[in-house]
Amino acid sequence: MRKRGIVAALLAGMLLAGCGADSMDSGENVAAKPAAGGAEGGGAAAERAAAPAGAAPEQGKDTAAQAPDLRIDQRSIIYNGSITVRVDNVTDKAAQVTGIAAANGGFVGGDERQSGDGSSTATIKLRIPADKFSAVVDQLAKLGDEENRGINTQDVTEEVVDLDARIEVQKARVESGKRLLAEAKSLDDLVMLEREVASRESDLASLEAKKRRLSDLTSLSTITVVLLGPNATVTDDGDDPAGFLGGLSNGWNALVASLGVLLTVLGALLPWSIALGLPAWAIVHLLRRYRRRNTPVVTPAAEASTSTP
């Protein structure tokens, strides 16, 4: 019995020692984890401290890069303007208009002139950088007596942003199509993927052409300059009245135009009618006379004798 008690005591002591060692190991592990976490946190804090002031996380940078800049000075605006100036010499002032365009980094996009004794006119279309639009209009107004001015602006910022996004998406689609094309195993897959890649590249080229067109319109404004001589008259291109008066005016114009067409047709047919109608009338008249001469005249007595058996 004494031996059994000693053995039991030894077993209990070993169990207690094992439990104590486990608890010590777990305690050391628990204590070591916060320390390691603190070391890692310290490293991250050191990296953030070493980063430049005001630097944002990478995710923030991507978001800022993708967001469009919609400030007033960064918006895409198309400027169109027209100005009418009465001058003493249209030819000399037209040369000055060309010089103003060249001095401001622009060029002449169209030039139409009509000569006359004091009634000469010139219509010149200028393409001017957008940032010089207002200054050029003011310079043109000083060439003579300004009679009319019109300025129109069109904000196409949303269209430009939308085109940029669609172009990026289409580029990604083209690249993915090319990767699939490089991995094609069969001839059918190769033909199908080539057709798909060609279609995607065509769509991308169309989007890029639209973007270039918008870039041209926003970077270069359009100014139409009308120069009038001292005696030149301005044509009134006002809109037609609406409602009943507008319909009446349009109907009358249509009637006059129809009568003009009818008279034109009659005038074209009259020579042919004379040339062909007179001979035809003469032939018909002669045939009638011939028939009357050769037709026997039947009297009542002759009719009675022929009718009696």
Protein backbone atom coordinates (compact mmCIF):
# COMPACT_ATOMS: atom_id res chain seq x y z
CA MET A 1 0.00 0.00 0.00
CA ARG A 2 2.84 2.35 0.83
CA LYS A 3 4.41 1.72 -2.55
CA ARG A 4 1.15 2.41 -4.31
CA GLY A 5 0.84 5.74 -2.48
CA ILE A 6 4.33 6.73 -3.48
CA VAL A 7 3.66 5.90 -7.15
CA ALA A 8 0.41 7.86 -7.09
CA ALA A 9 2.18 10.84 -5.57
CA LEU A 10 4.88 10.71 -8.26
CA LEU A 11 2.26 10.54 -11.04
CA ALA A 12 0.38 13.49 -9.58
CA GLY A 13 3.61 15.50 -9.37
CA MET A 14 4.44 14.75 -13.00
CA LEU A 15 0.96 15.80 -14.11
CA LEU A 16 1.18 19.03 -12.17
CA ALA A 17 4.61 19.75 -13.65
CA GLY A 18 3.35 19.15 -17.20
CA CYS A 19 0.39 21.45 -16.69
CA GLY A 20 2.64 24.16 -15.30
CA ALA A 21 4.97 23.89 -18.31
CA ASP A 22 2.04 24.16 -20.72
CA SER A 23 0.71 27.19 -18.94
CA MET A 24 4.12 28.80 -19.00
CA ASP A 25 4.53 28.11 -22.75
CA SER A 26 1.10 29.53 -23.50
CA GLY A 27 1.84 32.55 -21.39
CA GLU A 28 5.08 33.12 -23.22
CA ASN A 29 3.32 32.81 -26.57
CA VAL A 30 0.61 35.25 -25.53
CA ALA A 31 3.20 37.71 -24.31
CA ALA A 32 5.31 37.27 -27.43
CA LYS A 33 2.43 37.99 -29.84
CA PRO A 34 1.70 41.50 -28.55
CA ALA A 35 5.39 42.21 -28.64
CA ALA A 36 5.65 41.06 -32.24
CA GLY A 37 2.52 43.01 -33.13
CA GLY A 38 3.99 46.05 -31.47
CA ALA A 39 7.14 45.61 -33.51
CA GLU A 40 5.19 45.34 -36.73
CA GLY A 41 3.01 48.30 -35.78
CA GLY A 42 6.13 50.25 -35.00
CA GLY A 43 7.56 49.42 -38.43
CA ALA A 44 4.38 50.53 -40.17
CA ALA A 45 4.32 53.68 -38.09
CA ALA A 46 7.94 54.31 -39.00
CA GLU A 47 7.13 53.90 -42.70
CA ARG A 48 4.19 56.30 -42.42
CA ALA A 49 6.37 58.76 -40.57
CA ALA A 50 9.06 58.49 -43.26
CA ALA A 51 6.48 59.11 -46.03
CA PRO A 52 6.18 62.70 -47.36
CA ALA A 53 3.71 64.92 -45.62
CA GLY A 54 0.28 64.96 -47.23
CA ALA A 55 0.87 61.62 -48.97
CA ALA A 56 -2.29 59.53 -49.22
CA PRO A 57 -2.58 55.75 -49.34
CA GLU A 58 -2.26 54.04 -52.70
CA GLN A 59 -6.01 53.51 -52.92
CA GLY A 60 -6.59 57.20 -52.37
CA LYS A 61 -4.06 58.00 -55.09
CA ASP A 62 -5.84 55.81 -57.62
CA THR A 63 -9.19 57.35 -56.74
CA ALA A 64 -7.80 60.86 -57.13
CA ALA A 65 -6.21 59.95 -60.45
CA GLN A 66 -9.42 58.56 -61.86
CA ALA A 67 -11.71 61.38 -60.72
CA PRO A 68 -12.11 64.04 -63.48
CA ASP A 69 -11.04 67.59 -62.82
CA LEU A 70 -14.23 69.63 -63.19
CA ARG A 71 -12.94 73.04 -62.18
CA ILE A 72 -13.98 76.00 -64.31
CA ASP A 73 -10.51 76.42 -65.82
CA GLN A 74 -10.30 72.71 -66.62
CA ARG A 75 -13.65 72.27 -68.34
CA SER A 76 -13.90 71.51 -72.07
CA ILE A 77 -15.81 74.36 -73.73
CA ILE A 78 -16.39 75.03 -77.42
CA TYR A 79 -16.40 78.74 -78.31
CA ASN A 80 -18.17 80.03 -81.43
CA GLY A 81 -18.48 83.71 -82.24
CA SER A 82 -19.49 86.05 -85.04
CA ILE A 83 -18.97 89.76 -85.47
CA THR A 84 -20.06 92.21 -88.17
CA VAL A 85 -18.00 95.35 -88.69
CA ARG A 86 -18.56 98.16 -91.18
CA VAL A 87 -15.24 99.45 -92.53
CA ASP A 88 -14.08 102.04 -95.04
CA ASN A 89 -11.93 99.62 -97.07
CA VAL A 90 -12.81 95.92 -97.04
CA THR A 91 -9.59 94.75 -98.70
CA ASP A 92 -7.26 96.51 -96.25
CA LYS A 93 -9.27 95.44 -93.19
CA ALA A 94 -9.41 91.85 -94.42
CA ALA A 95 -5.60 91.84 -94.49
CA GLN A 96 -5.60 93.14 -90.90
CA VAL A 97 -8.00 90.36 -89.89
CA THR A 98 -5.56 87.79 -91.26
CA GLY A 99 -2.72 89.46 -89.37
CA ILE A 100 -4.68 89.42 -86.10
CA ALA A 101 -5.32 85.70 -86.50
CA ALA A 102 -1.65 84.94 -87.19
CA ALA A 103 -0.43 87.12 -84.30
CA ASN A 104 -2.62 85.18 -81.85
CA GLY A 105 -1.54 81.74 -83.03
CA GLY A 106 -4.57 81.11 -85.27
CA PHE A 107 -5.23 80.77 -88.96
CA VAL A 108 -7.85 81.53 -91.61
CA GLY A 109 -10.29 78.67 -92.13
CA GLY A 110 -12.33 80.31 -94.91
CA ASP A 111 -12.43 83.52 -96.91
CA GLU A 112 -15.31 84.65 -99.15
CA ARG A 113 -15.40 88.12 -100.71
CA GLN A 114 -17.67 90.09 -103.03
CA SER A 115 -16.42 93.22 -104.76
CA GLY A 116 -18.46 96.31 -105.52
CA ASP A 117 -18.26 100.07 -105.69
CA GLY A 118 -18.54 100.88 -102.00
CA SER A 119 -20.60 97.76 -101.37
CA SER A 120 -17.83 95.19 -101.02
CA THR A 121 -18.21 92.48 -98.41
CA ALA A 122 -15.93 89.83 -96.94
CA THR A 123 -16.77 86.84 -94.76
CA ILE A 124 -13.69 85.40 -93.08
CA LYS A 125 -13.72 82.38 -90.76
CA LEU A 126 -10.93 82.30 -88.19
CA ARG A 127 -9.67 79.45 -85.98
CA ILE A 128 -8.20 80.94 -82.83
CA PRO A 129 -6.85 79.29 -79.64
CA ALA A 130 -9.61 79.18 -77.04
CA ASP A 131 -7.65 81.22 -74.49
CA LYS A 132 -7.32 84.08 -77.03
CA PHE A 133 -11.01 84.12 -78.03
CA SER A 134 -12.17 87.20 -76.13
CA ALA A 135 -9.05 89.22 -76.91
CA VAL A 136 -9.34 88.54 -80.65
CA VAL A 137 -13.03 89.49 -80.71
CA ASP A 138 -12.20 92.81 -79.06
CA GLN A 139 -9.41 93.47 -81.58
CA LEU A 140 -11.73 92.76 -84.49
CA ALA A 141 -14.33 95.16 -83.11
CA LYS A 142 -11.80 97.99 -83.31
CA LEU A 143 -11.36 97.64 -87.07
CA GLY A 144 -14.42 99.81 -87.75
CA ASP A 145 -17.98 100.33 -86.55
CA GLU A 146 -19.26 97.18 -84.90
CA GLU A 147 -22.84 96.41 -85.98
CA ASN A 148 -23.45 92.93 -84.62
CA ARG A 149 -21.81 90.46 -82.29
CA GLY A 150 -22.82 86.96 -81.24
CA ILE A 151 -21.03 84.54 -78.93
CA ASN A 152 -22.07 80.97 -78.28
CA THR A 153 -20.46 78.45 -75.90
CA GLN A 154 -21.05 74.73 -75.50
CA ASP A 155 -19.80 72.78 -72.48
CA VAL A 156 -18.71 69.29 -73.60
CA THR A 157 -16.88 68.26 -70.43
CA GLU A 158 -19.20 65.32 -69.77
CA GLU A 159 -18.78 64.09 -73.34
CA VAL A 160 -14.99 64.26 -73.05
CA VAL A 161 -14.99 62.40 -69.71
CA ASP A 162 -17.34 59.77 -71.12
CA LEU A 163 -15.16 59.32 -74.20
CA ASP A 164 -12.03 58.95 -72.07
CA ALA A 165 -13.68 56.23 -69.99
CA ARG A 166 -14.99 54.40 -73.05
CA ILE A 167 -11.58 54.58 -74.72
CA GLU A 168 -9.87 53.05 -71.67
CA VAL A 169 -12.43 50.25 -71.52
CA GLN A 170 -12.10 49.58 -75.24
CA LYS A 171 -8.29 49.47 -74.99
CA ALA A 172 -8.60 46.86 -72.26
CA ARG A 173 -10.98 44.84 -74.44
CA VAL A 174 -8.54 45.00 -77.36
CA GLU A 175 -5.66 43.82 -75.17
CA SER A 176 -7.69 40.93 -73.75
CA GLY A 177 -8.72 39.94 -77.27
CA LYS A 178 -5.09 39.92 -78.39
CA ARG A 179 -4.11 37.73 -75.43
CA LEU A 180 -6.85 35.25 -76.29
CA LEU A 181 -5.77 35.35 -79.93
CA ALA A 182 -2.22 34.42 -78.95
CA GLU A 183 -3.57 31.41 -77.02
CA ALA A 184 -5.87 30.15 -79.82
CA LYS A 185 -5.48 26.40 -80.44
CA SER A 186 -7.74 25.74 -83.42
CA LEU A 187 -8.29 27.44 -86.75
CA ASP A 188 -11.94 28.23 -85.95
CA ASP A 189 -10.96 29.95 -82.71
CA LEU A 190 -8.23 31.87 -84.53
CA VAL A 191 -10.62 33.18 -87.20
CA MET A 192 -13.30 34.09 -84.65
CA LEU A 193 -10.84 35.90 -82.40
CA GLU A 194 -9.25 37.78 -85.29
CA ARG A 195 -12.68 39.02 -86.32
CA GLU A 196 -13.48 40.05 -82.75
CA VAL A 197 -10.16 41.86 -82.30
CA ALA A 198 -10.63 43.70 -85.61
CA SER A 199 -14.12 44.80 -84.53
CA ARG A 200 -12.83 46.04 -81.18
CA GLU A 201 -9.96 47.93 -82.82
CA SER A 202 -12.42 49.55 -85.23
CA ASP A 203 -14.61 50.70 -82.32
CA LEU A 204 -11.53 52.04 -80.55
CA ALA A 205 -10.44 53.98 -83.64
CA SER A 206 -13.92 55.51 -83.93
CA LEU A 207 -13.88 56.63 -80.29
CA GLU A 208 -10.41 58.10 -80.68
CA ALA A 209 -11.52 60.00 -83.80
CA LYS A 210 -14.42 61.52 -81.84
CA LYS A 211 -12.01 62.48 -79.07
CA ARG A 212 -9.68 64.18 -81.57
CA ARG A 213 -12.64 66.06 -83.07
CA LEU A 214 -13.72 67.34 -79.66
CA SER A 215 -10.13 68.23 -78.80
CA ASP A 216 -9.88 70.28 -82.01
CA LEU A 217 -13.14 72.11 -81.30
CA THR A 218 -12.23 72.88 -77.70
CA SER A 219 -8.62 73.89 -78.35
CA LEU A 220 -9.43 76.12 -81.35
CA SER A 221 -12.44 78.43 -81.27
CA THR A 222 -14.24 79.62 -84.40
CA ILE A 223 -14.89 83.30 -85.16
CA THR A 224 -16.80 84.40 -88.27
CA VAL A 225 -15.91 87.96 -89.27
CA VAL A 226 -18.18 89.86 -91.67
CA LEU A 227 -16.71 93.05 -93.12
CA LEU A 228 -19.10 95.46 -94.83
CA GLY A 229 -18.21 98.32 -97.11
CA PRO A 230 -19.68 101.81 -96.58
CA ASN A 231 -22.68 101.12 -98.85
CA ALA A 232 -23.06 97.39 -98.34
CA THR A 233 -26.41 96.12 -97.09
CA VAL A 234 -26.96 93.38 -94.56
CA THR A 235 -29.29 90.57 -95.57
CA ASP A 236 -31.94 89.75 -92.99
CA ASP A 237 -31.91 86.01 -92.25
CA GLY A 238 -34.46 86.19 -89.45
CA ASP A 239 -36.66 83.24 -88.61
CA ASP A 240 -40.07 82.93 -90.25
CA PRO A 241 -43.07 83.77 -88.03
CA ALA A 242 -44.78 80.85 -86.36
CA GLY A 243 -48.46 79.97 -86.17
CA PHE A 244 -51.12 81.05 -88.68
CA LEU A 245 -49.03 83.79 -90.27
CA GLY A 246 -46.11 81.44 -90.70
CA GLY A 247 -48.33 78.81 -92.32
CA LEU A 248 -49.94 81.42 -94.58
CA SER A 249 -46.57 82.72 -95.66
CA ASN A 250 -45.23 79.22 -96.34
CA GLY A 251 -48.40 78.31 -98.29
CA TRP A 252 -48.19 81.44 -100.42
CA ASN A 253 -44.51 80.76 -101.14
CA ALA A 254 -45.35 77.17 -102.11
CA LEU A 255 -48.15 78.39 -104.44
CA VAL A 256 -45.86 80.91 -106.12
CA ALA A 257 -43.18 78.26 -106.52
CA SER A 258 -45.71 75.79 -107.99
CA LEU A 259 -47.03 78.38 -110.45
CA GLY A 260 -43.49 79.16 -111.46
CA VAL A 261 -42.82 75.49 -112.16
CA LEU A 262 -46.09 75.17 -114.11
CA LEU A 263 -45.33 78.20 -116.26
CA THR A 264 -41.85 76.85 -116.89
CA VAL A 265 -43.28 73.54 -118.09
CA LEU A 266 -45.85 75.31 -120.30
CA GLY A 267 -43.17 77.50 -121.77
CA ALA A 268 -41.07 74.44 -122.55
CA LEU A 269 -44.03 72.61 -124.19
CA LEU A 270 -45.39 75.55 -126.23
CA PRO A 271 -42.85 75.34 -129.08
CA TRP A 272 -43.47 71.62 -129.39
CA SER A 273 -47.22 72.17 -129.37
CA ILE A 274 -46.95 74.66 -132.23
CA ALA A 275 -44.53 72.55 -134.19
CA LEU A 276 -46.57 69.35 -133.89
CA GLY A 277 -50.10 70.66 -133.31
CA LEU A 278 -50.49 72.76 -136.48
CA PRO A 279 -49.58 69.93 -138.90
CA ALA A 280 -51.82 67.52 -136.99
CA TRP A 281 -54.74 69.99 -137.14
CA ALA A 282 -54.23 70.50 -140.87
CA ILE A 283 -54.22 66.75 -141.53
CA VAL A 284 -57.42 66.21 -139.54
CA HIS A 285 -59.12 69.11 -141.35
CA LEU A 286 -58.21 67.73 -144.76
CA LEU A 287 -59.47 64.26 -143.87
CA ARG A 288 -62.82 65.66 -142.80
CA ARG A 289 -63.21 67.60 -146.04
CA TYR A 290 -62.30 64.55 -148.07
CA ARG A 291 -64.90 62.42 -146.29
CA ARG A 292 -67.63 65.02 -146.85
CA ARG A 293 -66.91 65.20 -150.58
CA ASN A 294 -66.89 61.43 -151.14
CA THR A 295 -69.90 60.59 -149.04
CA PRO A 296 -73.07 60.14 -151.28
CA VAL A 297 -76.16 62.10 -150.37
CA VAL A 298 -79.22 59.84 -149.87
CA THR A 299 -82.64 61.47 -150.62
CA PRO A 300 -86.02 60.29 -149.13
CA ALA A 301 -87.29 59.05 -152.53
CA ALA A 302 -84.19 56.94 -153.01
CA GLU A 303 -84.65 55.49 -149.57
CA ALA A 304 -88.31 54.60 -150.35
CA SER A 305 -87.44 52.92 -153.68
CA THR A 306 -84.73 50.87 -152.08
CA SER A 307 -87.04 49.82 -149.29
CA THR A 308 -90.01 48.71 -151.65
CA PRO A 309 -89.75 44.97 -152.72
